[in-house]
C-alpha atoms as a PDB file:
ATOM      1  CA  MET A   1    -112.208  44.083 -26.295  1.00  0.00           C
ATOM      2  CA  ALA A   2    -115.361  46.306 -25.524  1.00  0.00           C
ATOM      3  CA  PHE A   3    -115.980  45.685 -29.698  1.00  0.00           C
ATOM      4  CA  LYS A   4    -116.059  41.904 -28.929  1.00  0.00           C
ATOM      5  CA  ARG A   5    -117.755  41.673 -25.945  1.00  0.00           C
ATOM      6  CA  THR A   6    -120.667  43.647 -27.420  1.00  0.00           C
ATOM      7  CA  SER A   7    -120.800  42.161 -30.896  1.00  0.00           C
ATOM      8  CA  LEU A   8    -121.039  38.330 -28.665  1.00  0.00           C
ATOM      9  CA  VAL A   9    -124.472  39.955 -26.401  1.00  0.00           C
ATOM     10  CA  LEU A  10    -125.305  41.096 -30.126  1.00  0.00           C
ATOM     11  CA  ALA A  11    -125.165  38.006 -31.211  1.00  0.00           C
ATOM     12  CA  LEU A  12    -126.939  35.696 -28.274  1.00  0.00           C
ATOM     13  CA  ALA A  13    -129.547  38.502 -28.181  1.00  0.00           C
ATOM     14  CA  LEU A  14    -130.108  38.004 -31.410  1.00  0.00           C
ATOM     15  CA  ALA A  15    -129.850  33.980 -31.478  1.00  0.00           C
ATOM     16  CA  PHE A  16    -132.607  33.684 -28.471  1.00  0.00           C
ATOM     17  CA  GLY A  17    -135.122  36.362 -29.922  1.00  0.00           C
ATOM     18  CA  GLY A  18    -134.599  33.825 -33.199  1.00  0.00           C
ATOM     19  CA  LEU A  19    -135.602  31.392 -30.551  1.00  0.00           C
ATOM     20  CA  GLY A  20    -138.455  33.391 -29.080  1.00  0.00           C
ATOM     21  CA  ALA A  21    -139.980  34.213 -32.632  1.00  0.00           C
ATOM     22  CA  ALA A  22    -139.850  30.406 -33.751  1.00  0.00           C
ATOM     23  CA  HIS A  23    -141.744  29.723 -30.164  1.00  0.00           C
ATOM     24  CA  ALA A  24    -144.328  32.262 -30.672  1.00  0.00           C
ATOM     25  CA  ARG A  25    -144.990  30.869 -34.281  1.00  0.00           C
ATOM     26  CA  GLN A  26    -145.531  27.139 -33.158  1.00  0.00           C
ATOM     27  CA  GLN A  27    -148.007  28.692 -30.189  1.00  0.00           C
ATOM     28  CA  ASN A  28    -150.012  30.841 -32.923  1.00  0.00           C
ATOM     29  CA  LEU A  29    -150.026  27.623 -35.055  1.00  0.00           C
ATOM     30  CA  GLU A  30    -151.340  25.797 -31.904  1.00  0.00           C
ATOM     31  CA  LYS A  31    -154.373  28.274 -31.657  1.00  0.00           C
ATOM     32  CA  LEU A  32    -155.357  28.377 -35.231  1.00  0.00           C
ATOM     33  CA  LYS A  33    -155.524  24.405 -35.163  1.00  0.00           C
ATOM     34  CA  GLN A  34    -158.208  24.529 -32.480  1.00  0.00           C
ATOM     35  CA  LEU A  35    -160.026  27.031 -34.416  1.00  0.00           C
ATOM     36  CA  LYS A  36    -164.112  25.688 -35.385  1.00  0.00           C
ATOM     37  CA  VAL A  37    -165.790  25.642 -38.130  1.00  0.00           C
ATOM     38  CA  SER A  38    -168.710  28.212 -37.587  1.00  0.00           C
ATOM     39  CA  GLY A  39    -171.548  26.231 -39.200  1.00  0.00           C
ATOM     40  CA  THR A  40    -172.783  29.372 -40.715  1.00  0.00           C
ATOM     41  CA  ASP A  41    -174.176  28.705 -44.098  1.00  0.00           C
ATOM     42  CA  LEU A  42    -171.556  30.870 -46.258  1.00  0.00           C
ATOM     43  CA  ASN A  43    -174.526  31.164 -49.202  1.00  0.00           C
ATOM     44  CA  ILE A  44    -175.484  34.203 -47.873  1.00  0.00           C
ATOM     45  CA  PRO A  45    -178.697  35.772 -49.864  1.00  0.00           C
ATOM     46  CA  THR A  46    -178.201  38.988 -51.322  1.00  0.00           C
ATOM     47  CA  VAL A  47    -180.176  42.007 -51.556  1.00  0.00           C
ATOM     48  CA  PRO A  48    -181.888  42.460 -55.027  1.00  0.00           C
ATOM     49  CA  GLN A  49    -180.162  45.581 -56.569  1.00  0.00           C
ATOM     50  CA  GLU A  50    -182.798  45.971 -59.324  1.00  0.00           C
ATOM     51  CA  GLY A  51    -186.192  45.223 -60.239  1.00  0.00           C
ATOM     52  CA  THR A  52    -189.719  47.143 -59.346  1.00  0.00           C
ATOM     53  CA  ASN A  53    -188.194  48.743 -55.975  1.00  0.00           C
ATOM     54  CA  ALA A  54    -185.054  50.029 -57.904  1.00  0.00           C
ATOM     55  CA  ALA A  55    -187.323  51.761 -60.866  1.00  0.00           C
ATOM     56  CA  ALA A  56    -189.171  53.066 -58.305  1.00  0.00           C
ATOM     57  CA  ILE A  57    -186.171  54.669 -56.703  1.00  0.00           C
ATOM     58  CA  ARG A  58    -184.470  56.021 -60.213  1.00  0.00           C
ATOM     59  CA  GLU A  59    -187.643  57.725 -61.001  1.00  0.00           C
ATOM     60  CA  ASN A  60    -187.530  59.446 -57.502  1.00  0.00           C
ATOM     61  CA  LEU A  61    -184.334  60.668 -58.007  1.00  0.00           C
ATOM     62  CA  LYS A  62    -185.047  61.883 -61.394  1.00  0.00           C
ATOM     63  CA  ARG A  63    -187.393  64.434 -59.538  1.00  0.00           C
ATOM     64  CA  ILE A  64    -184.354  66.217 -57.564  1.00  0.00           C
ATOM     65  CA  LYS A  65    -183.382  68.991 -58.437  1.00  0.00           C
ATOM     66  CA  LEU A  66    -179.623  69.972 -58.287  1.00  0.00           C
ATOM     67  CA  PRO A  67    -177.405  73.240 -59.605  1.00  0.00           C
ATOM     68  CA  PRO A  68    -175.907  72.658 -62.531  1.00  0.00           C
ATOM     69  CA  GLY A  69    -172.910  69.960 -62.639  1.00  0.00           C
ATOM     70  CA  PHE A  70    -174.113  68.495 -59.922  1.00  0.00           C
ATOM     71  CA  LYS A  71    -176.518  64.420 -60.189  1.00  0.00           C
ATOM     72  CA  VAL A  72    -177.665  61.477 -58.295  1.00  0.00           C
ATOM     73  CA  GLU A  73    -177.894  58.228 -59.087  1.00  0.00           C
ATOM     74  CA  LEU A  74    -178.308  54.941 -57.178  1.00  0.00           C
ATOM     75  CA  TYR A  75    -175.943  53.286 -55.612  1.00  0.00           C
ATOM     76  CA  ALA A  76    -177.547  50.211 -53.976  1.00  0.00           C
ATOM     77  CA  ILE A  77    -180.377  49.445 -52.081  1.00  0.00           C
ATOM     78  CA  VAL A  78    -179.269  48.671 -48.699  1.00  0.00           C
ATOM     79  CA  PRO A  79    -182.581  47.872 -46.051  1.00  0.00           C
ATOM     80  CA  ASP A  80    -182.887  50.418 -43.159  1.00  0.00           C
ATOM     81  CA  ALA A  81    -179.200  52.372 -44.024  1.00  0.00           C
ATOM     82  CA  ARG A  82    -178.338  54.925 -41.828  1.00  0.00           C
ATOM     83  CA  HIS A  83    -174.602  54.851 -41.078  1.00  0.00           C
ATOM     84  CA  MET A  84    -171.940  54.139 -43.933  1.00  0.00           C
ATOM     85  CA  ALA A  85    -168.595  53.370 -43.270  1.00  0.00           C
ATOM     86  CA  VAL A  86    -165.836  53.015 -46.192  1.00  0.00           C
ATOM     87  CA  ALA A  87    -163.223  50.540 -46.428  1.00  0.00           C
ATOM     88  CA  PRO A  88    -161.461  52.054 -49.407  1.00  0.00           C
ATOM     89  CA  SER A  89    -159.302  49.775 -50.009  1.00  0.00           C
ATOM     90  CA  THR A  90    -161.482  46.904 -50.417  1.00  0.00           C
ATOM     91  CA  ASN A  91    -163.729  48.846 -52.112  1.00  0.00           C
ATOM     92  CA  MET A  92    -166.469  48.180 -49.564  1.00  0.00           C
ATOM     93  CA  LEU A  93    -168.888  49.881 -47.801  1.00  0.00           C
ATOM     94  CA  PHE A  94    -170.254  49.122 -44.134  1.00  0.00           C
ATOM     95  CA  VAL A  95    -173.565  50.385 -43.696  1.00  0.00           C
ATOM     96  CA  GLY A  96    -175.630  50.078 -40.150  1.00  0.00           C
ATOM     97  CA  THR A  97    -178.925  49.822 -39.562  1.00  0.00           C
ATOM     98  CA  ARG A  98    -181.184  50.955 -37.014  1.00  0.00           C
ATOM     99  CA  LYS A  99    -181.772  46.931 -36.172  1.00  0.00           C
ATOM    100  CA  ALA A 100    -179.575  44.168 -35.678  1.00  0.00           C
ATOM    101  CA  SER A 101    -177.849  44.002 -39.102  1.00  0.00           C
ATOM    102  CA  VAL A 102    -174.704  45.873 -40.467  1.00  0.00           C
ATOM    103  CA  TRP A 103    -174.365  45.158 -44.827  1.00  0.00           C
ATOM    104  CA  ALA A 104    -171.603  44.382 -47.184  1.00  0.00           C
ATOM    105  CA  VAL A 105    -171.491  46.638 -50.311  1.00  0.00           C
ATOM    106  CA  THR A 106    -169.230  45.687 -52.501  1.00  0.00           C
ATOM    107  CA  ASP A 107    -168.225  47.702 -55.889  1.00  0.00           C
ATOM    108  CA  ARG A 108    -166.192  45.014 -57.439  1.00  0.00           C
ATOM    109  CA  ASN A 109    -165.652  46.571 -61.044  1.00  0.00           C
ATOM    110  CA  GLY A 110    -165.484  50.214 -59.667  1.00  0.00           C
ATOM    111  CA  ASP A 111    -168.079  51.323 -61.970  1.00  0.00           C
ATOM    112  CA  MET A 112    -169.743  53.537 -58.597  1.00  0.00           C
ATOM    113  CA  VAL A 113    -172.798  51.399 -58.431  1.00  0.00           C
ATOM    114  CA  ALA A 114    -172.637  48.007 -56.080  1.00  0.00           C
ATOM    115  CA  ASP A 115    -172.339  45.245 -57.351  1.00  0.00           C
ATOM    116  CA  GLU A 116    -173.490  43.075 -53.863  1.00  0.00           C
ATOM    117  CA  VAL A 117    -175.163  43.755 -50.763  1.00  0.00           C
ATOM    118  CA  LYS A 118    -175.385  41.646 -48.485  1.00  0.00           C
ATOM    119  CA  PRO A 119    -175.849  40.931 -44.687  1.00  0.00           C
ATOM    120  CA  PHE A 120    -172.291  41.502 -42.785  1.00  0.00           C
ATOM    121  CA  ALA A 121    -171.122  38.397 -40.062  1.00  0.00           C
ATOM    122  CA  PRO A 122    -175.157  37.077 -40.628  1.00  0.00           C
ATOM    123  CA  SER A 123    -173.923  35.358 -37.731  1.00  0.00           C
ATOM    124  CA  LEU A 124    -173.169  37.672 -35.216  1.00  0.00           C
ATOM    125  CA  LYS A 125    -176.213  39.597 -33.158  1.00  0.00           C
ATOM    126  CA  PHE A 126    -175.177  43.565 -33.031  1.00  0.00           C
ATOM    127  CA  GLN A 127    -177.179  45.165 -29.831  1.00  0.00           C
ATOM    128  CA  VAL A 128    -176.266  48.992 -31.768  1.00  0.00           C
ATOM    129  CA  SER A 129    -175.282  47.914 -34.802  1.00  0.00           C
ATOM    130  CA  ASN A 130    -175.044  52.049 -36.114  1.00  0.00           C
ATOM    131  CA  GLY A 131    -172.130  51.859 -33.870  1.00  0.00           C
ATOM    132  CA  VAL A 132    -170.269  49.426 -35.703  1.00  0.00           C
ATOM    133  CA  CYS A 133    -169.588  51.740 -38.327  1.00  0.00           C
END
């Protein structure tokens, strides 16, 4: 008899739990419907990775003396870089500055050279952007 009572209690708990989950999903959908478009232009300008600045940096890197087996190469040009945080699952690097900006650096093809450098969340004004990283 105890087994049947326990089974009935478990079945009722699962049934009410399922109703609670369905209600929570409906609440989440209602919250999502209230979200509004930020109005931020999605055509975010990128930082050029080639040109005279990149060429000058590469020339400076040639003057660095390293032990045998080591090398240094230009990965990305990021204005006012100070701190970095790596997101390994996305091939993305976040770079904080001393100013009010954070840069998103992506290497889409995994060749160890940045493909794109652009502001991260440009509509946000960071107070201490190097704390983000």
